[in-house]
Amino acid sequence: MVPRYFFHFSDGKRRFSDTRGLELSGMAAARAHALRQVRDLKAAMCDPGIQDLSAWSMTVVNDDDTVVFETGFDLKVQSARG
């Protein structure tokens, strides 16, 4: 069984939910995908009106809605396991 991960992001006030998720081979693939997503979002938000991205983050959860890790838009990954 291939695990499914969901990639939610937040601006510190609102949460933007990934309702489809993505089947990936495991945690390493999920981290790599999350980091690519954050880089893509940062590039798309290079608008002068959105310069402070310090409150933005991505939370990755599994099929059970358990947080497996989080990363800020500074791309420092924080494990949910401590």
PDB file of N, CA and C in Angstrom:
ATOM      1  N   MET A   1       0.846  -1.190   0.000  1.00  0.00           N
ATOM      2  CA  MET A   1       0.000   0.000   0.000  1.00  0.00           C
ATOM      3  C   MET A   1       0.887   1.247   0.000  1.00  0.00           C
ATOM      4  N   VAL A   2       0.646   2.131  -0.940  1.00  0.00           N
ATOM      5  CA  VAL A   2       1.415   3.368  -1.060  1.00  0.00           C
ATOM      6  C   VAL A   2       0.751   4.431  -0.186  1.00  0.00           C
ATOM      7  N   PRO A   3       1.549   5.090   0.682  1.00  0.00           N
ATOM      8  CA  PRO A   3       0.946   6.104   1.557  1.00  0.00           C
ATOM      9  C   PRO A   3       0.514   7.350   0.781  1.00  0.00           C
ATOM     10  N   ARG A   4      -0.553   7.967   1.265  1.00  0.00           N
ATOM     11  CA  ARG A   4      -1.048   9.223   0.698  1.00  0.00           C
ATOM     12  C   ARG A   4      -0.760  10.335   1.697  1.00  0.00           C
ATOM     13  N   TYR A   5      -0.230  11.423   1.185  1.00  0.00           N
ATOM     14  CA  TYR A   5       0.084  12.590   1.995  1.00  0.00           C
ATOM     15  C   TYR A   5      -0.715  13.779   1.493  1.00  0.00           C
ATOM     16  N   PHE A   6      -1.072  14.662   2.428  1.00  0.00           N
ATOM     17  CA  PHE A   6      -1.818  15.874   2.117  1.00  0.00           C
ATOM     18  C   PHE A   6      -0.967  17.063   2.525  1.00  0.00           C
ATOM     19  N   PHE A   7      -0.909  18.070   1.678  1.00  0.00           N
ATOM     20  CA  PHE A   7      -0.012  19.205   1.852  1.00  0.00           C
ATOM     21  C   PHE A   7      -0.831  20.479   2.057  1.00  0.00           C
ATOM     22  N   HIS A   8      -1.058  20.831   3.322  1.00  0.00           N
ATOM     23  CA  HIS A   8      -1.841  22.015   3.666  1.00  0.00           C
ATOM     24  C   HIS A   8      -0.870  23.177   3.909  1.00  0.00           C
ATOM     25  N   PHE A   9      -1.288  24.369   3.553  1.00  0.00           N
ATOM     26  CA  PHE A   9      -0.450  25.509   3.910  1.00  0.00           C
ATOM     27  C   PHE A   9      -1.288  26.602   4.533  1.00  0.00           C
ATOM     28  N   SER A  10      -0.589  27.472   5.251  1.00  0.00           N
ATOM     29  CA  SER A  10      -1.262  28.517   6.024  1.00  0.00           C
ATOM     30  C   SER A  10      -0.466  29.807   5.938  1.00  0.00           C
ATOM     31  N   ASP A  11      -1.189  30.911   5.990  1.00  0.00           N
ATOM     32  CA  ASP A  11      -0.529  32.223   6.037  1.00  0.00           C
ATOM     33  C   ASP A  11      -0.465  32.748   7.469  1.00  0.00           C
ATOM     34  N   GLY A  12      -0.751  31.879   8.427  1.00  0.00           N
ATOM     35  CA  GLY A  12      -0.761  32.277   9.824  1.00  0.00           C
ATOM     36  C   GLY A  12      -2.142  32.643  10.321  1.00  0.00           C
ATOM     37  N   LYS A  13      -3.062  32.897   9.393  1.00  0.00           N
ATOM     38  CA  LYS A  13      -4.442  33.241   9.749  1.00  0.00           C
ATOM     39  C   LYS A  13      -5.439  32.260   9.150  1.00  0.00           C
ATOM     40  N   ARG A  14      -5.157  31.856   7.911  1.00  0.00           N
ATOM     41  CA  ARG A  14      -6.063  30.952   7.193  1.00  0.00           C
ATOM     42  C   ARG A  14      -5.308  29.686   6.802  1.00  0.00           C
ATOM     43  N   ARG A  15      -6.058  28.582   6.704  1.00  0.00           N
ATOM     44  CA  ARG A  15      -5.472  27.324   6.253  1.00  0.00           C
ATOM     45  C   ARG A  15      -6.047  26.995   4.876  1.00  0.00           C
ATOM     46  N   PHE A  16      -5.165  26.654   3.965  1.00  0.00           N
ATOM     47  CA  PHE A  16      -5.542  26.266   2.619  1.00  0.00           C
ATOM     48  C   PHE A  16      -5.319  24.759   2.529  1.00  0.00           C
ATOM     49  N   SER A  17      -6.413  24.010   2.431  1.00  0.00           N
ATOM     50  CA  SER A  17      -6.354  22.553   2.557  1.00  0.00           C
ATOM     51  C   SER A  17      -6.190  21.856   1.221  1.00  0.00           C
ATOM     52  N   ASP A  18      -5.370  20.842   1.236  1.00  0.00           N
ATOM     53  CA  ASP A  18      -5.195  19.930   0.109  1.00  0.00           C
ATOM     54  C   ASP A  18      -6.177  18.785   0.327  1.00  0.00           C
ATOM     55  N   THR A  19      -7.206  18.707  -0.467  1.00  0.00           N
ATOM     56  CA  THR A  19      -8.228  17.677  -0.278  1.00  0.00           C
ATOM     57  C   THR A  19      -7.976  16.422  -1.108  1.00  0.00           C
ATOM     58  N   ARG A  20      -7.064  16.499  -2.065  1.00  0.00           N
ATOM     59  CA  ARG A  20      -6.781  15.349  -2.928  1.00  0.00           C
ATOM     60  C   ARG A  20      -5.607  14.521  -2.429  1.00  0.00           C
ATOM     61  N   GLY A  21      -4.581  15.172  -1.957  1.00  0.00           N
ATOM     62  CA  GLY A  21      -3.396  14.462  -1.517  1.00  0.00           C
ATOM     63  C   GLY A  21      -2.626  13.873  -2.680  1.00  0.00           C
ATOM     64  N   LEU A  22      -1.563  13.161  -2.319  1.00  0.00           N
ATOM     65  CA  LEU A  22      -0.691  12.588  -3.325  1.00  0.00           C
ATOM     66  C   LEU A  22      -0.102  11.304  -2.782  1.00  0.00           C
ATOM     67  N   GLU A  23      -0.154  10.242  -3.569  1.00  0.00           N
ATOM     68  CA  GLU A  23       0.467   8.984  -3.172  1.00  0.00           C
ATOM     69  C   GLU A  23       1.957   9.072  -3.469  1.00  0.00           C
ATOM     70  N   LEU A  24       2.753   8.834  -2.447  1.00  0.00           N
ATOM     71  CA  LEU A  24       4.203   8.905  -2.577  1.00  0.00           C
ATOM     72  C   LEU A  24       4.829   7.695  -1.903  1.00  0.00           C
ATOM     73  N   SER A  25       6.066   7.405  -2.264  1.00  0.00           N
ATOM     74  CA  SER A  25       6.727   6.187  -1.789  1.00  0.00           C
ATOM     75  C   SER A  25       7.043   6.197  -0.303  1.00  0.00           C
ATOM     76  N   GLY A  26       7.082   7.357   0.321  1.00  0.00           N
ATOM     77  CA  GLY A  26       7.375   7.419   1.750  1.00  0.00           C
ATOM     78  C   GLY A  26       7.727   8.826   2.195  1.00  0.00           C
ATOM     79  N   MET A  27       8.287   8.905   3.407  1.00  0.00           N
ATOM     80  CA  MET A  27       8.567  10.196   4.031  1.00  0.00           C
ATOM     81  C   MET A  27       9.571  11.040   3.229  1.00  0.00           C
ATOM     82  N   ALA A  28      10.610  10.435   2.698  1.00  0.00           N
ATOM     83  CA  ALA A  28      11.601  11.202   1.932  1.00  0.00           C
ATOM     84  C   ALA A  28      10.954  11.844   0.705  1.00  0.00           C
ATOM     85  N   ALA A  29      10.108  11.106   0.022  1.00  0.00           N
ATOM     86  CA  ALA A  29       9.417  11.645  -1.152  1.00  0.00           C
ATOM     87  C   ALA A  29       8.441  12.746  -0.742  1.00  0.00           C
ATOM     88  N   ALA A  30       7.784  12.582   0.392  1.00  0.00           N
ATOM     89  CA  ALA A  30       6.847  13.604   0.881  1.00  0.00           C
ATOM     90  C   ALA A  30       7.593  14.888   1.235  1.00  0.00           C
ATOM     91  N   ARG A  31       8.740  14.765   1.878  1.00  0.00           N
ATOM     92  CA  ARG A  31       9.540  15.959   2.211  1.00  0.00           C
ATOM     93  C   ARG A  31      10.003  16.668   0.946  1.00  0.00           C
ATOM     94  N   ALA A  32      10.499  15.893  -0.017  1.00  0.00           N
ATOM     95  CA  ALA A  32      10.973  16.491  -1.264  1.00  0.00           C
ATOM     96  C   ALA A  32       9.834  17.215  -1.980  1.00  0.00           C
ATOM     97  N   HIS A  33       8.657  16.599  -2.011  1.00  0.00           N
ATOM     98  CA  HIS A  33       7.502  17.232  -2.652  1.00  0.00           C
ATOM     99  C   HIS A  33       7.105  18.517  -1.918  1.00  0.00           C
ATOM    100  N   ALA A  34       7.077  18.462  -0.601  1.00  0.00           N
ATOM    101  CA  ALA A  34       6.710  19.645   0.192  1.00  0.00           C
ATOM    102  C   ALA A  34       7.682  20.794  -0.061  1.00  0.00           C
ATOM    103  N   LEU A  35       8.964  20.509  -0.093  1.00  0.00           N
ATOM    104  CA  LEU A  35       9.950  21.568  -0.314  1.00  0.00           C
ATOM    105  C   LEU A  35       9.811  22.172  -1.712  1.00  0.00           C
ATOM    106  N   ARG A  36       9.526  21.331  -2.708  1.00  0.00           N
ATOM    107  CA  ARG A  36       9.281  21.857  -4.059  1.00  0.00           C
ATOM    108  C   ARG A  36       8.039  22.748  -4.073  1.00  0.00           C
ATOM    109  N   GLN A  37       6.982  22.296  -3.382  1.00  0.00           N
ATOM    110  CA  GLN A  37       5.737  23.078  -3.323  1.00  0.00           C
ATOM    111  C   GLN A  37       5.983  24.444  -2.678  1.00  0.00           C
ATOM    112  N   VAL A  38       6.720  24.456  -1.579  1.00  0.00           N
ATOM    113  CA  VAL A  38       6.994  25.725  -0.888  1.00  0.00           C
ATOM    114  C   VAL A  38       7.810  26.647  -1.792  1.00  0.00           C
ATOM    115  N   ARG A  39       8.818  26.108  -2.449  1.00  0.00           N
ATOM    116  CA  ARG A  39       9.619  26.931  -3.369  1.00  0.00           C
ATOM    117  C   ARG A  39       8.739  27.501  -4.486  1.00  0.00           C
ATOM    118  N   ASP A  40       7.861  26.669  -5.035  1.00  0.00           N
ATOM    119  CA  ASP A  40       6.967  27.134  -6.103  1.00  0.00           C
ATOM    120  C   ASP A  40       6.015  28.214  -5.597  1.00  0.00           C
ATOM    121  N   LEU A  41       5.465  28.025  -4.399  1.00  0.00           N
ATOM    122  CA  LEU A  41       4.564  29.027  -3.821  1.00  0.00           C
ATOM    123  C   LEU A  41       5.293  30.334  -3.560  1.00  0.00           C
ATOM    124  N   LYS A  42       6.517  30.250  -3.041  1.00  0.00           N
ATOM    125  CA  LYS A  42       7.287  31.464  -2.790  1.00  0.00           C
ATOM    126  C   LYS A  42       7.555  32.214  -4.082  1.00  0.00           C
ATOM    127  N   ALA A  43       7.885  31.488  -5.133  1.00  0.00           N
ATOM    128  CA  ALA A  43       8.144  32.119  -6.427  1.00  0.00           C
ATOM    129  C   ALA A  43       6.879  32.786  -6.974  1.00  0.00           C
ATOM    130  N   ALA A  44       5.743  32.136  -6.797  1.00  0.00           N
ATOM    131  CA  ALA A  44       4.484  32.682  -7.291  1.00  0.00           C
ATOM    132  C   ALA A  44       4.048  33.905  -6.494  1.00  0.00           C
ATOM    133  N   MET A  45       4.516  34.006  -5.261  1.00  0.00           N
ATOM    134  CA  MET A  45       4.094  35.104  -4.385  1.00  0.00           C
ATOM    135  C   MET A  45       5.153  36.190  -4.299  1.00  0.00           C
ATOM    136  N   CYS A  46       5.903  36.383  -5.358  1.00  0.00           N
ATOM    137  CA  CYS A  46       6.934  37.414  -5.335  1.00  0.00           C
ATOM    138  C   CYS A  46       6.337  38.801  -5.565  1.00  0.00           C
ATOM    139  N   ASP A  47       5.031  38.897  -5.498  1.00  0.00           N
ATOM    140  CA  ASP A  47       4.321  40.165  -5.612  1.00  0.00           C
ATOM    141  C   ASP A  47       4.817  41.104  -4.511  1.00  0.00           C
ATOM    142  N   PRO A  48       5.065  42.370  -4.826  1.00  0.00           N
ATOM    143  CA  PRO A  48       5.545  43.327  -3.809  1.00  0.00           C
ATOM    144  C   PRO A  48       4.620  43.444  -2.600  1.00  0.00           C
ATOM    145  N   GLY A  49       3.341  43.139  -2.768  1.00  0.00           N
ATOM    146  CA  GLY A  49       2.396  43.225  -1.656  1.00  0.00           C
ATOM    147  C   GLY A  49       2.508  42.060  -0.685  1.00  0.00           C
ATOM    148  N   ILE A  50       3.206  41.005  -1.078  1.00  0.00           N
ATOM    149  CA  ILE A  50       3.369  39.831  -0.213  1.00  0.00           C
ATOM    150  C   ILE A  50       4.859  39.620   0.013  1.00  0.00           C
ATOM    151  N   GLN A  51       5.467  40.497   0.775  1.00  0.00           N
ATOM    152  CA  GLN A  51       6.906  40.386   0.975  1.00  0.00           C
ATOM    153  C   GLN A  51       7.269  39.642   2.246  1.00  0.00           C
ATOM    154  N   ASP A  52       6.466  39.716   3.265  1.00  0.00           N
ATOM    155  CA  ASP A  52       6.776  39.042   4.518  1.00  0.00           C
ATOM    156  C   ASP A  52       6.088  37.680   4.537  1.00  0.00           C
ATOM    157  N   LEU A  53       6.863  36.641   4.298  1.00  0.00           N
ATOM    158  CA  LEU A  53       6.323  35.286   4.277  1.00  0.00           C
ATOM    159  C   LEU A  53       6.652  34.536   5.561  1.00  0.00           C
ATOM    160  N   SER A  54       7.076  35.249   6.596  1.00  0.00           N
ATOM    161  CA  SER A  54       7.528  34.594   7.828  1.00  0.00           C
ATOM    162  C   SER A  54       6.421  33.815   8.537  1.00  0.00           C
ATOM    163  N   ALA A  55       5.173  34.180   8.345  1.00  0.00           N
ATOM    164  CA  ALA A  55       4.077  33.473   9.014  1.00  0.00           C
ATOM    165  C   ALA A  55       3.578  32.270   8.207  1.00  0.00           C
ATOM    166  N   TRP A  56       4.027  32.130   6.974  1.00  0.00           N
ATOM    167  CA  TRP A  56       3.562  31.054   6.105  1.00  0.00           C
ATOM    168  C   TRP A  56       4.228  29.733   6.464  1.00  0.00           C
ATOM    169  N   SER A  57       3.448  28.664   6.371  1.00  0.00           N
ATOM    170  CA  SER A  57       3.984  27.332   6.658  1.00  0.00           C
ATOM    171  C   SER A  57       3.221  26.276   5.873  1.00  0.00           C
ATOM    172  N   MET A  58       3.826  25.105   5.760  1.00  0.00           N
ATOM    173  CA  MET A  58       3.172  23.954   5.153  1.00  0.00           C
ATOM    174  C   MET A  58       3.156  22.834   6.171  1.00  0.00           C
ATOM    175  N   THR A  59       1.997  22.219   6.334  1.00  0.00           N
ATOM    176  CA  THR A  59       1.832  21.073   7.221  1.00  0.00           C
ATOM    177  C   THR A  59       1.497  19.865   6.367  1.00  0.00           C
ATOM    178  N   VAL A  60       2.229  18.783   6.569  1.00  0.00           N
ATOM    179  CA  VAL A  60       2.011  17.556   5.811  1.00  0.00           C
ATOM    180  C   VAL A  60       1.402  16.528   6.753  1.00  0.00           C
ATOM    181  N   VAL A  61       0.272  15.973   6.329  1.00  0.00           N
ATOM    182  CA  VAL A  61      -0.429  14.975   7.137  1.00  0.00           C
ATOM    183  C   VAL A  61      -0.595  13.699   6.323  1.00  0.00           C
ATOM    184  N   ASN A  62      -0.813  12.601   7.044  1.00  0.00           N
ATOM    185  CA  ASN A  62      -1.043  11.331   6.359  1.00  0.00           C
ATOM    186  C   ASN A  62      -2.543  11.081   6.213  1.00  0.00           C
ATOM    187  N   ASP A  63      -2.884   9.883   5.755  1.00  0.00           N
ATOM    188  CA  ASP A  63      -4.296   9.517   5.539  1.00  0.00           C
ATOM    189  C   ASP A  63      -5.150   9.616   6.799  1.00  0.00           C
ATOM    190  N   ASP A  64      -4.522   9.445   7.965  1.00  0.00           N
ATOM    191  CA  ASP A  64      -5.239   9.513   9.238  1.00  0.00           C
ATOM    192  C   ASP A  64      -5.326  10.934   9.772  1.00  0.00           C
ATOM    193  N   ASP A  65      -4.881  11.929   8.974  1.00  0.00           N
ATOM    194  CA  ASP A  65      -4.835  13.338   9.364  1.00  0.00           C
ATOM    195  C   ASP A  65      -3.858  13.584  10.512  1.00  0.00           C
ATOM    196  N   THR A  66      -2.853  12.707  10.631  1.00  0.00           N
ATOM    197  CA  THR A  66      -1.793  12.883  11.619  1.00  0.00           C
ATOM    198  C   THR A  66      -0.680  13.709  10.982  1.00  0.00           C
ATOM    199  N   VAL A  67      -0.241  14.751  11.675  1.00  0.00           N
ATOM    200  CA  VAL A  67       0.841  15.586  11.159  1.00  0.00           C
ATOM    201  C   VAL A  67       2.125  14.764  11.151  1.00  0.00           C
ATOM    202  N   VAL A  68       2.770  14.700   9.987  1.00  0.00           N
ATOM    203  CA  VAL A  68       4.038  13.986   9.901  1.00  0.00           C
ATOM    204  C   VAL A  68       5.218  14.942   9.918  1.00  0.00           C
ATOM    205  N   PHE A  69       5.042  16.148   9.405  1.00  0.00           N
ATOM    206  CA  PHE A  69       6.043  17.198   9.579  1.00  0.00           C
ATOM    207  C   PHE A  69       5.473  18.526   9.104  1.00  0.00           C
ATOM    208  N   GLU A  70       6.174  19.590   9.493  1.00  0.00           N
ATOM    209  CA  GLU A  70       5.814  20.940   9.081  1.00  0.00           C
ATOM    210  C   GLU A  70       7.067  21.647   8.615  1.00  0.00           C
ATOM    211  N   THR A  71       6.892  22.610   7.741  1.00  0.00           N
ATOM    212  CA  THR A  71       8.004  23.449   7.338  1.00  0.00           C
ATOM    213  C   THR A  71       7.504  24.876   7.162  1.00  0.00           C
ATOM    214  N   GLY A  72       8.311  25.804   7.623  1.00  0.00           N
ATOM    215  CA  GLY A  72       8.014  27.207   7.380  1.00  0.00           C
ATOM    216  C   GLY A  72       8.484  27.567   5.983  1.00  0.00           C
ATOM    217  N   PHE A  73       8.147  28.719   5.526  1.00  0.00           N
ATOM    218  CA  PHE A  73       8.585  29.133   4.203  1.00  0.00           C
ATOM    219  C   PHE A  73      10.066  29.495   4.197  1.00  0.00           C
ATOM    220  N   ASP A  74      10.712  29.378   5.362  1.00  0.00           N
ATOM    221  CA  ASP A  74      12.171  29.478   5.418  1.00  0.00           C
ATOM    222  C   ASP A  74      12.799  28.134   5.076  1.00  0.00           C
ATOM    223  N   LEU A  75      11.948  27.106   4.846  1.00  0.00           N
ATOM    224  CA  LEU A  75      12.319  25.761   4.438  1.00  0.00           C
ATOM    225  C   LEU A  75      13.069  24.985   5.502  1.00  0.00           C
ATOM    226  N   LYS A  76      12.859  25.314   6.770  1.00  0.00           N
ATOM    227  CA  LYS A  76      13.411  24.534   7.871  1.00  0.00           C
ATOM    228  C   LYS A  76      12.340  23.516   8.295  1.00  0.00           C
ATOM    229  N   VAL A  77      12.584  22.256   7.985  1.00  0.00           N
ATOM    230  CA  VAL A  77      11.613  21.197   8.277  1.00  0.00           C
ATOM    231  C   VAL A  77      11.644  20.855   9.748  1.00  0.00           C
ATOM    232  N   GLN A  78      10.451  20.766  10.338  1.00  0.00           N
ATOM    233  CA  GLN A  78      10.317  20.372  11.743  1.00  0.00           C
ATOM    234  C   GLN A  78       9.496  19.101  11.802  1.00  0.00           C
ATOM    235  N   SER A  79      10.085  18.060  12.362  1.00  0.00           N
ATOM    236  CA  SER A  79       9.393  16.785  12.472  1.00  0.00           C
ATOM    237  C   SER A  79       8.282  16.877  13.497  1.00  0.00           C
ATOM    238  N   ALA A  80       7.211  16.163  13.253  1.00  0.00           N
ATOM    239  CA  ALA A  80       6.096  16.135  14.206  1.00  0.00           C
ATOM    240  C   ALA A  80       6.397  15.198  15.349  1.00  0.00           C
ATOM    241  N   ARG A  81       7.445  14.430  15.228  1.00  0.00           N
ATOM    242  CA  ARG A  81       7.772  13.431  16.247  1.00  0.00           C
ATOM    243  C   ARG A  81       8.752  13.938  17.279  1.00  0.00           C
ATOM    244  N   GLY A  82       8.982  15.225  17.311  1.00  0.00           N
ATOM    245  CA  GLY A  82       9.761  15.763  18.390  1.00  0.00           C
ATOM    246  C   GLY A  82      11.046  16.293  17.992  1.00  0.00           C
TER     247      GLY A  82
END
